[in-house]
Amino acid sequence: MSAKDSMAKEYFADNARFADLCNNILYGGREVILPENLKERDTTEVLTALGLDKKTIAVQKLRDIFKNASIKYTGKSYVVLIGVENQSDIHYAIPVKNMFYDVMAYGNQVKETAKKHRKEKDIATSDEFLSGFTKEDKLIPVITITVYLGTKEWDGPRRLSDMFGDVDEELLPFIPDYRINLLAPREITDFTGFRTSIRQLFEVLQNAYDKEKMQEVLQNDEKFSNVDRETVEAINLFAGTNIDIDEKEEVIDMCKAWEEQKNEGRELGREEGRIRQAKITALKLQKKGHSIEDIAECVDFDEETVKKWLVS
């Protein structure tokens, strides 16, 4: 697992951030899904089937994050399964990837229901016996959200049909489509609905390509004067910034740190500053157990250089 994948999973697994993310995508920023009503689920999806040779075939996939959400809304209670898939790069087959996860999640629900009926021996008809699923049984809805953590504009497919070539229009109504639920920072038009520091992460990612816009964002949003350490570390990793982080501080004033970085950069030169921050990042990633190869890829230096940093 790469350093970016590992950090993204750890960062968004936090219930407060996870709920904030879901509320913005699913409820327009309204605080409907609460952190205390989220429960972790096994991220491993396994389905078994009989092959042509009558032998059992097992397919296993690992989601990034998967949670059970209990929702109380409009006077009713609901349960839904929500998965988050983090993408630091554009995935040009993401509809197929996410669709596969969802199908496996539904398949597992059917399998577990059938197992329960076999144990209790309560299936009444041959029709129910065939599927192991009765007319009264219900599935829990599954929602998968794709969080794009890159700084470029998303130009990948947004639905399965975007991946098709020429198709007879008369056939389209008969071909099931699948739409992804995408959050891409460059497409966010209103950040006020976010209640956690993922707002600062997405604002930086949206403007990382333009230093002047970045400066404007940092100066005009007072929330950047009080950003938690984990978010600043995520910003440094995904946006490629070099915000200094004091090991003793849990909250960072990004406005001040950004200005200090600019002044320091003028004195020491951009390259020296980049090397210094890369060393800091490399040491942190080593402490988290990442390989030399992953660290080198993350900080954009060759493996031999990174090795020298880590043994010195």
Protein backbone atom coordinates (compact mmCIF):
# COMPACT_ATOMS: atom_id res chain seq x y z
CA MET A 1 0.00 0.00 0.00
CA SER A 2 1.41 3.41 -0.96
CA ALA A 3 1.94 6.21 1.53
CA LYS A 4 -0.90 8.23 -0.02
CA ASP A 5 -3.33 5.29 0.16
CA SER A 6 -2.42 4.64 3.77
CA MET A 7 -2.82 8.26 4.85
CA ALA A 8 -6.13 8.69 2.99
CA LYS A 9 -7.62 5.61 4.67
CA GLU A 10 -6.46 6.69 8.11
CA TYR A 11 -7.59 10.29 7.60
CA PHE A 12 -11.13 9.64 6.33
CA ALA A 13 -11.76 6.66 8.64
CA ASP A 14 -12.25 9.19 11.45
CA ASN A 15 -15.99 9.22 12.10
CA ALA A 16 -16.31 13.02 12.28
CA ARG A 17 -14.57 13.48 8.91
CA PHE A 18 -16.42 10.53 7.38
CA ALA A 19 -19.80 11.93 8.47
CA ASP A 20 -18.87 15.41 7.20
CA LEU A 21 -17.88 13.98 3.84
CA CYS A 22 -21.09 11.94 3.50
CA ASN A 23 -23.36 14.80 4.59
CA ASN A 24 -21.91 17.10 1.93
CA ILE A 25 -22.26 14.59 -0.89
CA LEU A 26 -25.55 12.97 0.13
CA TYR A 27 -27.41 15.76 1.96
CA GLY A 28 -26.03 19.01 0.58
CA GLY A 29 -24.15 19.79 3.79
CA ARG A 30 -27.07 19.21 6.18
CA GLU A 31 -25.96 17.44 9.36
CA VAL A 32 -27.98 14.25 8.96
CA ILE A 33 -25.39 11.49 9.41
CA LEU A 34 -23.86 11.76 12.88
CA PRO A 35 -20.40 10.44 13.84
CA GLU A 36 -21.79 8.50 16.80
CA ASN A 37 -24.16 6.60 14.49
CA LEU A 38 -21.38 5.16 12.33
CA LYS A 39 -19.95 1.68 12.87
CA GLU A 40 -16.95 0.10 11.19
CA ARG A 41 -17.57 -2.85 8.89
CA ASP A 42 -15.12 -5.37 7.52
CA THR A 43 -13.60 -3.84 4.39
CA THR A 44 -12.99 -7.29 2.89
CA GLU A 45 -15.57 -8.28 0.29
CA VAL A 46 -15.58 -12.00 -0.56
CA LEU A 47 -17.92 -13.80 -2.94
CA THR A 48 -17.86 -17.48 -3.84
CA ALA A 49 -19.33 -19.19 -6.88
CA LEU A 50 -19.16 -22.52 -8.67
CA GLY A 51 -16.94 -22.58 -11.73
CA LEU A 52 -17.52 -24.60 -14.90
CA ASP A 53 -15.59 -27.49 -13.34
CA LYS A 54 -17.94 -27.41 -10.33
CA LYS A 55 -15.14 -26.18 -8.10
CA THR A 56 -15.70 -23.23 -5.80
CA ILE A 57 -14.16 -19.96 -6.93
CA ALA A 58 -13.55 -17.24 -4.33
CA VAL A 59 -13.17 -13.57 -5.26
CA GLN A 60 -11.81 -11.18 -2.66
CA LYS A 61 -11.57 -7.38 -2.78
CA LEU A 62 -10.54 -4.84 -0.15
CA ARG A 63 -12.42 -1.57 0.15
CA ASP A 64 -10.71 1.52 1.55
CA ILE A 65 -13.35 2.36 4.18
CA PHE A 66 -16.75 0.75 4.83
CA LYS A 67 -19.20 1.82 7.55
CA ASN A 68 -22.72 1.08 8.71
CA ALA A 69 -24.72 4.32 9.06
CA SER A 70 -27.88 4.58 11.17
CA ILE A 71 -29.80 7.61 9.92
CA LYS A 72 -32.75 9.36 11.57
CA TYR A 73 -34.30 11.78 9.13
CA THR A 74 -37.77 13.17 8.33
CA GLY A 75 -39.21 11.25 11.26
CA LYS A 76 -37.96 7.89 10.04
CA SER A 77 -34.96 5.66 10.72
CA TYR A 78 -32.80 4.14 8.00
CA VAL A 79 -29.74 1.96 7.76
CA VAL A 80 -27.33 2.25 4.85
CA LEU A 81 -23.85 0.89 4.12
CA ILE A 82 -21.40 3.56 2.93
CA GLY A 83 -18.02 2.92 1.40
CA VAL A 84 -15.36 5.49 0.55
CA GLU A 85 -12.76 4.87 -2.15
CA ASN A 86 -9.86 7.33 -2.19
CA GLN A 87 -8.11 8.15 -5.45
CA SER A 88 -4.90 10.19 -5.47
CA ASP A 89 -4.79 9.69 -9.25
CA ILE A 90 -7.54 9.57 -11.87
CA HIS A 91 -8.88 6.03 -12.35
CA TYR A 92 -10.22 5.56 -15.87
CA ALA A 93 -12.19 2.42 -14.98
CA ILE A 94 -13.64 3.66 -11.67
CA PRO A 95 -17.30 2.87 -12.54
CA VAL A 96 -16.41 -0.82 -13.01
CA LYS A 97 -14.28 -0.86 -9.86
CA ASN A 98 -16.99 0.69 -7.66
CA MET A 99 -19.79 -1.31 -9.26
CA PHE A 100 -17.89 -4.51 -8.46
CA TYR A 101 -17.57 -3.48 -4.80
CA ASP A 102 -21.29 -2.75 -4.57
CA VAL A 103 -22.31 -6.00 -6.27
CA MET A 104 -20.11 -7.95 -3.87
CA ALA A 105 -21.64 -6.15 -0.88
CA TYR A 106 -25.15 -7.04 -2.07
CA GLY A 107 -24.05 -10.60 -2.86
CA ASN A 108 -22.69 -11.00 0.65
CA GLN A 109 -25.99 -9.83 2.11
CA VAL A 110 -27.86 -12.46 0.09
CA LYS A 111 -25.34 -15.13 1.10
CA GLU A 112 -25.60 -14.28 4.81
CA THR A 113 -29.40 -14.25 4.64
CA ALA A 114 -29.43 -17.65 2.95
CA LYS A 115 -27.05 -19.01 5.59
CA LYS A 116 -29.41 -17.80 8.32
CA HIS A 117 -32.41 -19.46 6.67
CA ARG A 118 -30.55 -22.76 6.30
CA LYS A 119 -29.61 -22.67 9.97
CA GLU A 120 -33.16 -21.90 11.08
CA LYS A 121 -34.75 -24.17 8.42
CA ASP A 122 -37.55 -21.69 7.84
CA ILE A 123 -37.76 -21.60 4.03
CA ALA A 124 -41.28 -22.51 2.99
CA THR A 125 -41.30 -22.70 -0.82
CA SER A 126 -39.11 -24.15 -3.57
CA ASP A 127 -38.77 -20.66 -5.06
CA GLU A 128 -37.28 -19.35 -1.81
CA PHE A 129 -35.07 -22.43 -1.50
CA LEU A 130 -33.55 -21.75 -4.92
CA SER A 131 -32.17 -18.34 -3.93
CA GLY A 132 -32.06 -18.70 -0.17
CA PHE A 133 -33.86 -15.34 -0.13
CA THR A 134 -37.54 -14.99 0.75
CA LYS A 135 -40.10 -12.52 -0.53
CA GLU A 136 -39.98 -10.69 2.82
CA ASP A 137 -36.19 -10.41 3.01
CA LYS A 138 -34.71 -6.98 2.27
CA LEU A 139 -31.27 -5.70 1.32
CA ILE A 140 -29.49 -2.82 3.01
CA PRO A 141 -28.67 -0.13 0.39
CA VAL A 142 -24.99 0.32 -0.45
CA ILE A 143 -23.48 3.69 -1.42
CA THR A 144 -19.89 4.09 -2.61
CA ILE A 145 -18.28 7.54 -2.64
CA THR A 146 -15.13 8.26 -4.63
CA VAL A 147 -12.91 10.97 -3.12
CA TYR A 148 -10.41 12.32 -5.64
CA LEU A 149 -7.37 13.74 -3.85
CA GLY A 150 -5.48 15.00 -6.89
CA THR A 151 -4.91 18.61 -7.93
CA LYS A 152 -5.82 18.16 -11.60
CA GLU A 153 -9.33 18.36 -12.99
CA TRP A 154 -11.10 15.01 -13.08
CA ASP A 155 -11.39 13.87 -16.68
CA GLY A 156 -12.24 10.24 -15.98
CA PRO A 157 -15.61 8.51 -16.53
CA ARG A 158 -18.49 9.32 -14.20
CA ARG A 159 -20.77 6.47 -15.24
CA LEU A 160 -20.40 3.08 -16.87
CA SER A 161 -21.84 4.31 -20.18
CA ASP A 162 -18.97 6.84 -20.43
CA MET A 163 -16.71 3.84 -21.00
CA PHE A 164 -18.71 2.44 -23.93
CA GLY A 165 -17.81 2.94 -27.55
CA ASP A 166 -20.52 3.29 -30.20
CA VAL A 167 -23.76 1.67 -29.04
CA ASP A 168 -27.04 1.29 -30.89
CA GLU A 169 -29.32 3.86 -29.21
CA GLU A 170 -32.21 1.40 -29.29
CA LEU A 171 -30.20 -0.90 -27.02
CA LEU A 172 -29.34 1.73 -24.41
CA PRO A 173 -32.58 1.35 -22.40
CA PHE A 174 -31.70 -2.32 -21.91
CA ILE A 175 -28.12 -1.76 -20.73
CA PRO A 176 -27.85 -1.10 -16.97
CA ASP A 177 -25.79 1.99 -16.23
CA TYR A 178 -23.81 2.76 -13.09
CA ARG A 179 -23.05 6.28 -11.86
CA ILE A 180 -20.22 7.05 -9.46
CA ASN A 181 -20.62 9.45 -6.53
CA LEU A 182 -17.58 11.65 -7.07
CA LEU A 183 -16.10 14.36 -4.89
CA ALA A 184 -13.45 16.27 -6.84
CA PRO A 185 -12.01 19.38 -5.10
CA ARG A 186 -11.73 21.41 -8.32
CA GLU A 187 -15.52 21.05 -8.75
CA ILE A 188 -16.59 22.24 -5.27
CA THR A 189 -18.32 25.62 -5.50
CA ASP A 190 -19.31 26.08 -1.84
CA PHE A 191 -17.16 25.00 1.11
CA THR A 192 -19.41 26.38 3.84
CA GLY A 193 -21.25 23.08 4.31
CA PHE A 194 -18.13 21.35 5.63
CA ARG A 195 -17.89 21.26 9.42
CA THR A 196 -14.48 19.63 9.86
CA SER A 197 -11.00 20.41 8.58
CA ILE A 198 -11.56 18.39 5.42
CA ARG A 199 -12.77 21.78 4.20
CA GLN A 200 -9.21 23.14 4.43
CA LEU A 201 -7.82 20.06 2.68
CA PHE A 202 -10.23 20.40 -0.24
CA GLU A 203 -9.74 24.17 -0.51
CA VAL A 204 -5.98 23.73 -0.80
CA LEU A 205 -6.36 20.91 -3.35
CA GLN A 206 -8.66 23.12 -5.41
CA ASN A 207 -6.11 25.94 -5.55
CA ALA A 208 -2.79 24.06 -5.36
CA TYR A 209 -2.08 24.66 -9.04
CA ASP A 210 -2.08 28.46 -8.56
CA LYS A 211 0.16 29.97 -5.85
CA GLU A 212 -1.60 33.34 -5.99
CA LYS A 213 -5.02 31.76 -5.43
CA MET A 214 -3.54 29.67 -2.63
CA GLN A 215 -2.24 32.82 -0.96
CA GLU A 216 -5.67 34.44 -1.29
CA VAL A 217 -7.43 31.45 0.25
CA LEU A 218 -5.05 31.30 3.21
CA GLN A 219 -5.39 35.02 3.90
CA ASN A 220 -9.18 35.23 3.59
CA ASP A 221 -10.25 32.12 5.50
CA GLU A 222 -9.62 32.41 9.24
CA LYS A 223 -10.11 28.66 9.64
CA PHE A 224 -6.60 28.19 8.24
CA SER A 225 -5.19 29.74 11.41
CA ASN A 226 -6.32 26.71 13.40
CA VAL A 227 -5.79 23.45 11.46
CA ASP A 228 -5.17 20.07 13.09
CA ARG A 229 -1.85 18.31 12.50
CA GLU A 230 -3.35 15.37 10.57
CA THR A 231 -4.96 17.71 8.05
CA VAL A 232 -1.76 19.68 7.51
CA GLU A 233 0.13 16.41 6.98
CA ALA A 234 -2.53 15.37 4.44
CA ILE A 235 -2.27 18.75 2.70
CA ASN A 236 1.51 18.41 2.44
CA LEU A 237 1.23 14.91 1.00
CA PHE A 238 -1.64 15.35 -1.47
CA ALA A 239 -1.14 18.97 -2.51
CA GLY A 240 2.66 18.88 -2.53
CA THR A 241 3.02 21.79 -0.12
CA ASN A 242 5.86 22.09 2.41
CA ILE A 243 4.12 23.53 5.45
CA ASP A 244 6.41 23.20 8.47
CA ILE A 245 4.94 21.18 11.32
CA ASP A 246 6.38 21.50 14.80
CA GLU A 247 6.44 18.04 16.40
CA LYS A 248 5.12 19.55 19.64
CA GLU A 249 2.11 21.23 18.05
CA GLU A 250 -1.26 19.56 17.49
CA VAL A 251 -2.79 22.67 15.89
CA ILE A 252 -1.02 24.67 13.18
CA ASP A 253 -1.51 28.22 11.98
CA MET A 254 -1.21 27.59 8.25
CA CYS A 255 -1.42 31.28 7.37
CA LYS A 256 1.64 32.03 9.48
CA ALA A 257 3.47 28.87 8.41
CA TRP A 258 2.82 29.63 4.73
CA GLU A 259 4.21 33.17 5.10
CA GLU A 260 7.25 31.93 7.01
CA GLN A 261 7.83 29.31 4.34
CA LYS A 262 7.76 31.98 1.62
CA ASN A 263 10.30 34.13 3.47
CA GLU A 264 12.50 31.15 4.23
CA GLY A 265 12.28 30.05 0.63
CA ARG A 266 13.63 33.39 -0.54
CA GLU A 267 16.62 33.00 1.77
CA LEU A 268 17.44 29.34 1.32
CA GLY A 269 16.12 28.73 -2.15
CA ARG A 270 13.21 26.55 -3.18
CA GLU A 271 15.25 23.40 -3.72
CA GLU A 272 16.83 23.42 -0.28
CA GLY A 273 13.44 23.94 1.31
CA ARG A 274 11.96 21.12 -0.75
CA ILE A 275 14.74 18.74 0.34
CA ARG A 276 14.32 19.66 4.01
CA GLN A 277 10.58 19.05 3.97
CA ALA A 278 11.04 15.83 1.98
CA LYS A 279 13.38 14.55 4.70
CA ILE A 280 10.81 15.34 7.39
CA THR A 281 8.08 13.60 5.43
CA ALA A 282 10.34 10.59 4.76
CA LEU A 283 11.10 10.16 8.47
CA LYS A 284 7.41 10.33 9.36
CA LEU A 285 6.50 7.76 6.73
CA GLN A 286 9.31 5.47 7.93
CA LYS A 287 7.90 5.61 11.46
CA LYS A 288 4.56 4.46 10.04
CA GLY A 289 6.23 1.43 8.49
CA HIS A 290 6.29 2.38 4.80
CA SER A 291 8.90 0.89 2.48
CA ILE A 292 11.81 2.84 0.99
CA GLU A 293 10.20 2.44 -2.44
CA ASP A 294 6.89 3.98 -1.31
CA ILE A 295 8.62 6.81 0.55
CA ALA A 296 10.80 7.65 -2.45
CA GLU A 297 7.77 7.77 -4.72
CA CYS A 298 5.88 9.97 -2.28
CA VAL A 299 8.64 12.57 -1.73
CA ASP A 300 9.77 12.42 -5.37
CA PHE A 301 13.43 11.54 -4.70
CA ASP A 302 15.40 8.45 -5.72
CA GLU A 303 15.61 5.49 -3.32
CA GLU A 304 19.36 5.86 -2.68
CA THR A 305 18.91 9.47 -1.55
CA VAL A 306 16.03 8.52 0.75
CA LYS A 307 18.10 5.68 2.26
CA LYS A 308 20.88 8.15 3.12
CA TRP A 309 18.39 10.45 4.84
CA LEU A 310 16.94 7.64 6.94
CA VAL A 311 20.28 6.24 8.17
CA SER A 312 21.95 9.58 8.85
